[in-house]
Amino acid sequence: MKQLVIRAAAATVLGLGLTTGVAAAQSGGSISNTGTDSKNIIKSGVVTHSHVQNKNKLGASYSNEQESSSGQAGVYHNTTGGNATSGSSTNTSSLSLNASVTNTPSSTTTTSTSGTSGGTGSINTTGTSSVNVVNSSSKNDMTVKNTNDLSVMVSNDQQTSSGKATVAGNTTGGSATTGDATNTSTTSVTFDVSN
């Protein structure tokens, strides 16, 4: 439809002959063979709108419940009693979590915002005292919205107890030794988000 407007305007100028006329082109084109004192205008404009929206939601939930206990050791009612030793009780928990998210604009979006330019136009063979204007414009508008929602929930419940060691009622008694009670928990969470 824009090309039809251009041709109609040019035809009007030619029909006016030596009187003042106006030729206008809304997008890139050419105007030629216009009369004296004519006004020839070619306007070309490109407007690009790009909207990029990234929503990243990363969540990690870890629940650890451990319970351990060592047995009971006893030496009772002996002439000569030996040693009573209970074993060690240990809980160990380890978690390592890595998550990576990268948001990169598409090549189409990048090209549309960086490589656009206005159209071209040419005006030639115009009459004397004519005004000739070629106007080319380009507007690029890009909006980027990033929303990052990161959450980590770690629940760690550990219980440990060493057993009971008893030496009792012996003429000669040995030693009573309980084992170690140990809880160990290691948690590592890494979120890497690049927008």
C-alpha atoms as a PDB file:
ATOM      1  CA  MET A   1       0.000   0.000   0.000  1.00  0.00           C
ATOM      2  CA  LYS A   2       2.893   2.367   0.711  1.00  0.00           C
ATOM      3  CA  GLN A   3       4.285   1.835  -2.754  1.00  0.00           C
ATOM      4  CA  LEU A   4       0.930   2.802  -4.224  1.00  0.00           C
ATOM      5  CA  VAL A   5       0.970   6.048  -2.261  1.00  0.00           C
ATOM      6  CA  ILE A   6       4.401   6.837  -3.572  1.00  0.00           C
ATOM      7  CA  ARG A   7       3.400   6.313  -7.178  1.00  0.00           C
ATOM      8  CA  ALA A   8       0.272   8.414  -6.786  1.00  0.00           C
ATOM      9  CA  ALA A   9       2.237  11.282  -5.313  1.00  0.00           C
ATOM     10  CA  ALA A  10       4.814  11.137  -8.091  1.00  0.00           C
ATOM     11  CA  ALA A  11       2.109  11.014 -10.719  1.00  0.00           C
ATOM     12  CA  THR A  12       0.471  14.089  -9.231  1.00  0.00           C
ATOM     13  CA  VAL A  13       3.731  16.013  -9.445  1.00  0.00           C
ATOM     14  CA  LEU A  14       4.195  15.092 -13.078  1.00  0.00           C
ATOM     15  CA  GLY A  15       0.648  16.139 -13.863  1.00  0.00           C
ATOM     16  CA  LEU A  16       1.168  19.572 -12.336  1.00  0.00           C
ATOM     17  CA  GLY A  17       3.992  20.294 -14.733  1.00  0.00           C
ATOM     18  CA  LEU A  18       5.704  23.524 -13.785  1.00  0.00           C
ATOM     19  CA  THR A  19       3.605  24.267 -10.731  1.00  0.00           C
ATOM     20  CA  THR A  20       4.783  23.409  -7.211  1.00  0.00           C
ATOM     21  CA  GLY A  21       4.298  19.743  -6.261  1.00  0.00           C
ATOM     22  CA  VAL A  22       5.093  17.365  -3.391  1.00  0.00           C
ATOM     23  CA  ALA A  23       6.380  13.827  -3.780  1.00  0.00           C
ATOM     24  CA  ALA A  24       6.648  11.703  -0.630  1.00  0.00           C
ATOM     25  CA  ALA A  25       7.871   8.197   0.003  1.00  0.00           C
ATOM     26  CA  GLN A  26       7.115   6.612   3.399  1.00  0.00           C
ATOM     27  CA  SER A  27       9.677   3.833   3.047  1.00  0.00           C
ATOM     28  CA  GLY A  28      12.860   3.655   0.992  1.00  0.00           C
ATOM     29  CA  GLY A  29      12.322   4.434  -2.693  1.00  0.00           C
ATOM     30  CA  SER A  30      13.230   6.796  -5.473  1.00  0.00           C
ATOM     31  CA  ILE A  31      11.788   9.947  -7.039  1.00  0.00           C
ATOM     32  CA  SER A  32      12.809  11.250 -10.433  1.00  0.00           C
ATOM     33  CA  ASN A  33      11.718  13.553 -13.247  1.00  0.00           C
ATOM     34  CA  THR A  34       9.886  16.157 -11.180  1.00  0.00           C
ATOM     35  CA  GLY A  35       9.140  19.707 -12.234  1.00  0.00           C
ATOM     36  CA  THR A  36      10.465  23.121 -11.331  1.00  0.00           C
ATOM     37  CA  ASP A  37      10.002  24.304  -7.738  1.00  0.00           C
ATOM     38  CA  SER A  38       8.906  20.806  -6.710  1.00  0.00           C
ATOM     39  CA  LYS A  39       9.344  19.461  -3.230  1.00  0.00           C
ATOM     40  CA  ASN A  40      10.570  15.880  -3.189  1.00  0.00           C
ATOM     41  CA  ILE A  41      10.683  13.971   0.088  1.00  0.00           C
ATOM     42  CA  ILE A  42      11.616  10.378   0.833  1.00  0.00           C
ATOM     43  CA  LYS A  43      11.116   9.277   4.410  1.00  0.00           C
ATOM     44  CA  SER A  44      12.201   5.887   5.664  1.00  0.00           C
ATOM     45  CA  GLY A  45      11.824   4.745   9.244  1.00  0.00           C
ATOM     46  CA  VAL A  46      12.378   1.484  11.076  1.00  0.00           C
ATOM     47  CA  VAL A  47      11.184   0.906  14.639  1.00  0.00           C
ATOM     48  CA  THR A  48      12.127  -2.276  16.479  1.00  0.00           C
ATOM     49  CA  HIS A  49      10.674  -3.319  19.841  1.00  0.00           C
ATOM     50  CA  SER A  50      12.081  -6.317  21.693  1.00  0.00           C
ATOM     51  CA  HIS A  51      11.024  -7.593  25.088  1.00  0.00           C
ATOM     52  CA  VAL A  52      12.894 -10.359  26.881  1.00  0.00           C
ATOM     53  CA  GLN A  53      11.616 -11.766  30.157  1.00  0.00           C
ATOM     54  CA  ASN A  54      13.443 -14.425  32.140  1.00  0.00           C
ATOM     55  CA  LYS A  55      11.978 -16.100  35.213  1.00  0.00           C
ATOM     56  CA  ASN A  56      14.271 -18.454  37.073  1.00  0.00           C
ATOM     57  CA  LYS A  57      13.071 -20.379  40.100  1.00  0.00           C
ATOM     58  CA  LEU A  58      15.552 -22.667  41.781  1.00  0.00           C
ATOM     59  CA  GLY A  59      14.775 -24.544  44.964  1.00  0.00           C
ATOM     60  CA  ALA A  60      16.626 -27.121  47.006  1.00  0.00           C
ATOM     61  CA  SER A  61      15.170 -29.049  49.923  1.00  0.00           C
ATOM     62  CA  TYR A  62      17.174 -31.524  51.955  1.00  0.00           C
ATOM     63  CA  SER A  63      16.049 -33.399  55.033  1.00  0.00           C
ATOM     64  CA  ASN A  64      18.358 -35.662  56.990  1.00  0.00           C
ATOM     65  CA  GLU A  65      17.372 -37.626  60.074  1.00  0.00           C
ATOM     66  CA  GLN A  66      19.818 -40.069  61.643  1.00  0.00           C
ATOM     67  CA  GLU A  67      19.950 -41.940  64.895  1.00  0.00           C
ATOM     68  CA  SER A  68      22.602 -44.342  66.104  1.00  0.00           C
ATOM     69  CA  SER A  69      23.660 -45.947  69.352  1.00  0.00           C
ATOM     70  CA  SER A  70      26.214 -48.550  70.377  1.00  0.00           C
ATOM     71  CA  GLY A  71      25.399 -51.568  72.513  1.00  0.00           C
ATOM     72  CA  GLN A  72      25.748 -52.096  76.243  1.00  0.00           C
ATOM     73  CA  ALA A  73      28.816 -53.840  77.643  1.00  0.00           C
ATOM     74  CA  GLY A  74      29.032 -55.223  81.176  1.00  0.00           C
ATOM     75  CA  VAL A  75      31.235 -57.434  83.327  1.00  0.00           C
ATOM     76  CA  TYR A  76      29.455 -58.641  86.502  1.00  0.00           C
ATOM     77  CA  HIS A  77      30.113 -60.887  89.481  1.00  0.00           C
ATOM     78  CA  ASN A  78      33.419 -62.433  88.534  1.00  0.00           C
ATOM     79  CA  THR A  79      36.413 -63.293  90.717  1.00  0.00           C
ATOM     80  CA  THR A  80      38.528 -61.548  88.177  1.00  0.00           C
ATOM     81  CA  GLY A  81      36.606 -59.369  85.781  1.00  0.00           C
ATOM     82  CA  GLY A  82      37.924 -58.125  82.480  1.00  0.00           C
ATOM     83  CA  ASN A  83      37.323 -54.840  80.715  1.00  0.00           C
ATOM     84  CA  ALA A  84      33.944 -53.602  79.487  1.00  0.00           C
ATOM     85  CA  THR A  85      34.088 -51.466  76.379  1.00  0.00           C
ATOM     86  CA  SER A  86      31.218 -50.205  74.259  1.00  0.00           C
ATOM     87  CA  GLY A  87      31.727 -49.291  70.626  1.00  0.00           C
ATOM     88  CA  SER A  88      31.677 -45.870  69.017  1.00  0.00           C
ATOM     89  CA  SER A  89      28.511 -44.320  67.610  1.00  0.00           C
ATOM     90  CA  THR A  90      28.845 -42.056  64.570  1.00  0.00           C
ATOM     91  CA  ASN A  91      26.501 -40.170  62.268  1.00  0.00           C
ATOM     92  CA  THR A  92      27.809 -38.609  59.066  1.00  0.00           C
ATOM     93  CA  SER A  93      25.878 -36.561  56.537  1.00  0.00           C
ATOM     94  CA  SER A  94      27.216 -34.829  53.421  1.00  0.00           C
ATOM     95  CA  LEU A  95      25.398 -32.907  50.683  1.00  0.00           C
ATOM     96  CA  SER A  96      26.815 -31.043  47.700  1.00  0.00           C
ATOM     97  CA  LEU A  97      24.453 -29.333  45.252  1.00  0.00           C
ATOM     98  CA  ASN A  98      25.348 -27.201  42.241  1.00  0.00           C
ATOM     99  CA  ALA A  99      22.835 -25.572  39.896  1.00  0.00           C
ATOM    100  CA  SER A 100      23.619 -23.291  36.977  1.00  0.00           C
ATOM    101  CA  VAL A 101      21.226 -21.225  34.851  1.00  0.00           C
ATOM    102  CA  THR A 102      22.287 -19.048  31.928  1.00  0.00           C
ATOM    103  CA  ASN A 103      19.889 -16.730  30.112  1.00  0.00           C
ATOM    104  CA  THR A 104      21.203 -15.638  26.722  1.00  0.00           C
ATOM    105  CA  PRO A 105      19.160 -13.533  24.286  1.00  0.00           C
ATOM    106  CA  SER A 106      18.385 -15.310  21.061  1.00  0.00           C
ATOM    107  CA  SER A 107      20.373 -14.424  17.966  1.00  0.00           C
ATOM    108  CA  THR A 108      17.171 -13.070  16.392  1.00  0.00           C
ATOM    109  CA  THR A 109      16.668 -10.609  19.244  1.00  0.00           C
ATOM    110  CA  THR A 110      20.291  -9.512  19.197  1.00  0.00           C
ATOM    111  CA  THR A 111      20.235  -8.979  15.445  1.00  0.00           C
ATOM    112  CA  SER A 112      16.944  -7.109  15.459  1.00  0.00           C
ATOM    113  CA  THR A 113      18.165  -4.583  18.016  1.00  0.00           C
ATOM    114  CA  SER A 114      21.712  -4.083  16.809  1.00  0.00           C
ATOM    115  CA  GLY A 115      21.574  -4.533  13.067  1.00  0.00           C
ATOM    116  CA  THR A 116      18.569  -2.474  11.996  1.00  0.00           C
ATOM    117  CA  SER A 117      18.927   0.699   9.997  1.00  0.00           C
ATOM    118  CA  GLY A 118      16.652   2.962   8.034  1.00  0.00           C
ATOM    119  CA  GLY A 119      15.929   2.412   4.370  1.00  0.00           C
ATOM    120  CA  THR A 120      17.576   4.110   1.453  1.00  0.00           C
ATOM    121  CA  GLY A 121      16.235   6.562  -1.054  1.00  0.00           C
ATOM    122  CA  SER A 122      17.325   8.380  -4.162  1.00  0.00           C
ATOM    123  CA  ILE A 123      16.105  11.571  -5.840  1.00  0.00           C
ATOM    124  CA  ASN A 124      17.342  12.527  -9.300  1.00  0.00           C
ATOM    125  CA  THR A 125      16.453  14.546 -12.377  1.00  0.00           C
ATOM    126  CA  THR A 126      14.470  17.178 -10.563  1.00  0.00           C
ATOM    127  CA  GLY A 127      13.552  20.626 -11.827  1.00  0.00           C
ATOM    128  CA  THR A 128      15.219  23.890 -10.978  1.00  0.00           C
ATOM    129  CA  SER A 129      14.651  25.426  -7.543  1.00  0.00           C
ATOM    130  CA  SER A 130      13.285  22.150  -6.247  1.00  0.00           C
ATOM    131  CA  VAL A 131      13.666  20.969  -2.638  1.00  0.00           C
ATOM    132  CA  ASN A 132      14.942  17.418  -2.282  1.00  0.00           C
ATOM    133  CA  VAL A 133      14.979  15.621   1.085  1.00  0.00           C
ATOM    134  CA  VAL A 134      15.908  12.035   1.948  1.00  0.00           C
ATOM    135  CA  ASN A 135      15.208  11.235   5.580  1.00  0.00           C
ATOM    136  CA  SER A 136      16.145   7.873   7.081  1.00  0.00           C
ATOM    137  CA  SER A 137      15.640   7.004  10.745  1.00  0.00           C
ATOM    138  CA  SER A 138      16.039   3.936  12.924  1.00  0.00           C
ATOM    139  CA  LYS A 139      14.846   3.317  16.482  1.00  0.00           C
ATOM    140  CA  ASN A 140      15.679   0.265  18.537  1.00  0.00           C
ATOM    141  CA  ASP A 141      13.903  -0.373  21.828  1.00  0.00           C
ATOM    142  CA  MET A 142      14.838  -3.392  23.940  1.00  0.00           C
ATOM    143  CA  THR A 143      13.570  -4.273  27.409  1.00  0.00           C
ATOM    144  CA  VAL A 144      15.032  -7.071  29.512  1.00  0.00           C
ATOM    145  CA  LYS A 145      13.395  -8.216  32.735  1.00  0.00           C
ATOM    146  CA  ASN A 146      15.031 -10.843  34.907  1.00  0.00           C
ATOM    147  CA  THR A 147      13.349 -12.396  37.936  1.00  0.00           C
ATOM    148  CA  ASN A 148      15.388 -14.812  40.035  1.00  0.00           C
ATOM    149  CA  ASP A 149      13.845 -16.770  42.905  1.00  0.00           C
ATOM    150  CA  LEU A 150      16.354 -18.871  44.826  1.00  0.00           C
ATOM    151  CA  SER A 151      15.485 -20.872  47.925  1.00  0.00           C
ATOM    152  CA  VAL A 152      17.256 -23.448  50.059  1.00  0.00           C
ATOM    153  CA  MET A 153      15.798 -25.452  52.936  1.00  0.00           C
ATOM    154  CA  VAL A 154      18.002 -27.807  54.910  1.00  0.00           C
ATOM    155  CA  SER A 155      16.746 -29.867  57.844  1.00  0.00           C
ATOM    156  CA  ASN A 156      19.268 -31.922  59.771  1.00  0.00           C
ATOM    157  CA  ASP A 157      18.314 -34.005  62.823  1.00  0.00           C
ATOM    158  CA  GLN A 158      20.988 -36.280  64.202  1.00  0.00           C
ATOM    159  CA  GLN A 159      21.019 -38.227  67.438  1.00  0.00           C
ATOM    160  CA  THR A 160      23.759 -40.465  68.659  1.00  0.00           C
ATOM    161  CA  SER A 161      24.657 -42.104  71.935  1.00  0.00           C
ATOM    162  CA  SER A 162      27.405 -44.457  73.009  1.00  0.00           C
ATOM    163  CA  GLY A 163      26.554 -47.590  74.924  1.00  0.00           C
ATOM    164  CA  LYS A 164      26.802 -48.211  78.634  1.00  0.00           C
ATOM    165  CA  ALA A 165      29.905 -49.977  79.922  1.00  0.00           C
ATOM    166  CA  THR A 166      29.723 -51.427  83.428  1.00  0.00           C
ATOM    167  CA  VAL A 167      32.120 -53.453  85.533  1.00  0.00           C
ATOM    168  CA  ALA A 168      30.458 -54.384  88.835  1.00  0.00           C
ATOM    169  CA  GLY A 169      30.415 -57.108  91.528  1.00  0.00           C
ATOM    170  CA  ASN A 170      33.820 -58.519  90.737  1.00  0.00           C
ATOM    171  CA  THR A 171      36.579 -59.397  93.191  1.00  0.00           C
ATOM    172  CA  THR A 172      39.030 -57.857  90.815  1.00  0.00           C
ATOM    173  CA  GLY A 173      37.425 -55.640  88.226  1.00  0.00           C
ATOM    174  CA  GLY A 174      38.749 -54.385  84.929  1.00  0.00           C
ATOM    175  CA  SER A 175      38.104 -51.015  83.338  1.00  0.00           C
ATOM    176  CA  ALA A 176      34.872 -49.709  81.858  1.00  0.00           C
ATOM    177  CA  THR A 177      35.198 -47.619  78.696  1.00  0.00           C
ATOM    178  CA  THR A 178      32.474 -46.097  76.580  1.00  0.00           C
ATOM    179  CA  GLY A 179      32.976 -45.343  72.914  1.00  0.00           C
ATOM    180  CA  ASP A 180      32.888 -41.959  71.185  1.00  0.00           C
ATOM    181  CA  ALA A 181      29.624 -40.353  70.096  1.00  0.00           C
ATOM    182  CA  THR A 182      30.042 -38.204  66.992  1.00  0.00           C
ATOM    183  CA  ASN A 183      27.726 -36.228  64.709  1.00  0.00           C
ATOM    184  CA  THR A 184      29.007 -34.726  61.471  1.00  0.00           C
ATOM    185  CA  SER A 185      27.002 -32.769  58.884  1.00  0.00           C
ATOM    186  CA  THR A 186      28.347 -30.955  55.828  1.00  0.00           C
ATOM    187  CA  THR A 187      26.099 -29.049  53.430  1.00  0.00           C
ATOM    188  CA  SER A 188      27.218 -27.148  50.333  1.00  0.00           C
ATOM    189  CA  VAL A 189      24.731 -25.425  48.000  1.00  0.00           C
ATOM    190  CA  THR A 190      25.811 -23.297  45.026  1.00  0.00           C
ATOM    191  CA  PHE A 191      23.450 -21.429  42.686  1.00  0.00           C
ATOM    192  CA  ASP A 192      24.975 -19.749  39.648  1.00  0.00           C
ATOM    193  CA  VAL A 193      22.559 -17.553  37.697  1.00  0.00           C
ATOM    194  CA  SER A 194      23.757 -15.515  34.735  1.00  0.00           C
ATOM    195  CA  ASN A 195      21.299 -13.152  33.054  1.00  0.00           C
END
